Amino acid sequence: METGTIFLVGAGPGDPDLLTLRAARLIESAEVIVHDGLVSPEIMAMTRDDARLISVAKKRARHTLPQDDINLLLVRLAQKGQDVVRLKGGDPLIFGRGGEEAELAREHCVKVEIVPGISAANGMAAATGIPLTHRDAASIVSFVAGQCKGLSDQDWSGLAGKGRTLVIYMGVKTAPQIAEKLMADGLTPDVPVAVVENAARKEMRVVRGPLAGLPNLVSDHKIKSPAIIVIGDVTAREDAHLAQIVVETHQ
């Protein structure tokens, strides 16, 4: 029996109009889709009526399937001769575990195709008008995961500060530790910060304030995942479009 192909597909921030043409075609034609919880209902509505939909949604400390089991599931489905779309919010290779899934597939001689998606950071930047880089504010941008093992032991010095933008994924639950860590690594308490909930979706919210107030930004406004934390001068630039988008602020 011929082995199927695993397609690691980025679903972007949620708007079907922001899918690549390749992603849209695969979603519409796939017989088997293994999908994350962050994939929007609008995109899931594009699937075939007879498609087999397998949810492997993850929440903090509670997974439908552990990642190792997801990797094996994809391989086993492909080994049965089925093409499988592994559908992920954002981009498969930016905090999407796509690298792990691709590695195991290749170890089992299963063909893998990766279809990029608009990452949460890129979607956020476009939707809010917050530029990740700007000639007058930042020539360097870094992406980090705020929810990971050994957070306190990591060296983030140099990732944020003058001329730099730091984008933190999955940082809602650890916002107090993130603020403390960055200030301990040398950032001043008044560095501007933006927190963007549900980036690039209709229900998007943006709150802004100083780094020292980051924990209060999250708690006072009841920010929930998915959310992106952006740290740097790009979040505080005077921009009419940005002022319209920012629906909540914190002094």
Foldseek 3Di string as FASTA:
>chain_A
DAFAEEEEAELELADNVQGDPVRLVCQQPFQEEEEEPRHYPVSNVSHDPNHHYHYFYDDVVDTPDPPVVVLVVRLVCRRVVGYYYYYYYAFCPQPNCNVVSVVSNVVVVHHYHYHTGHHLVNLQCVQQVLDQADPVFAPEEEEDEQDDPPNLVDQCQPQADTRHKYKYWPNLVPLVVVLVSVVVSPDDQAFKKKKWASRNDPPIAIEIGTSVCRNVVCVVVVGDPPMMMMTTPSLVDDDPSNVVRHPYYDD
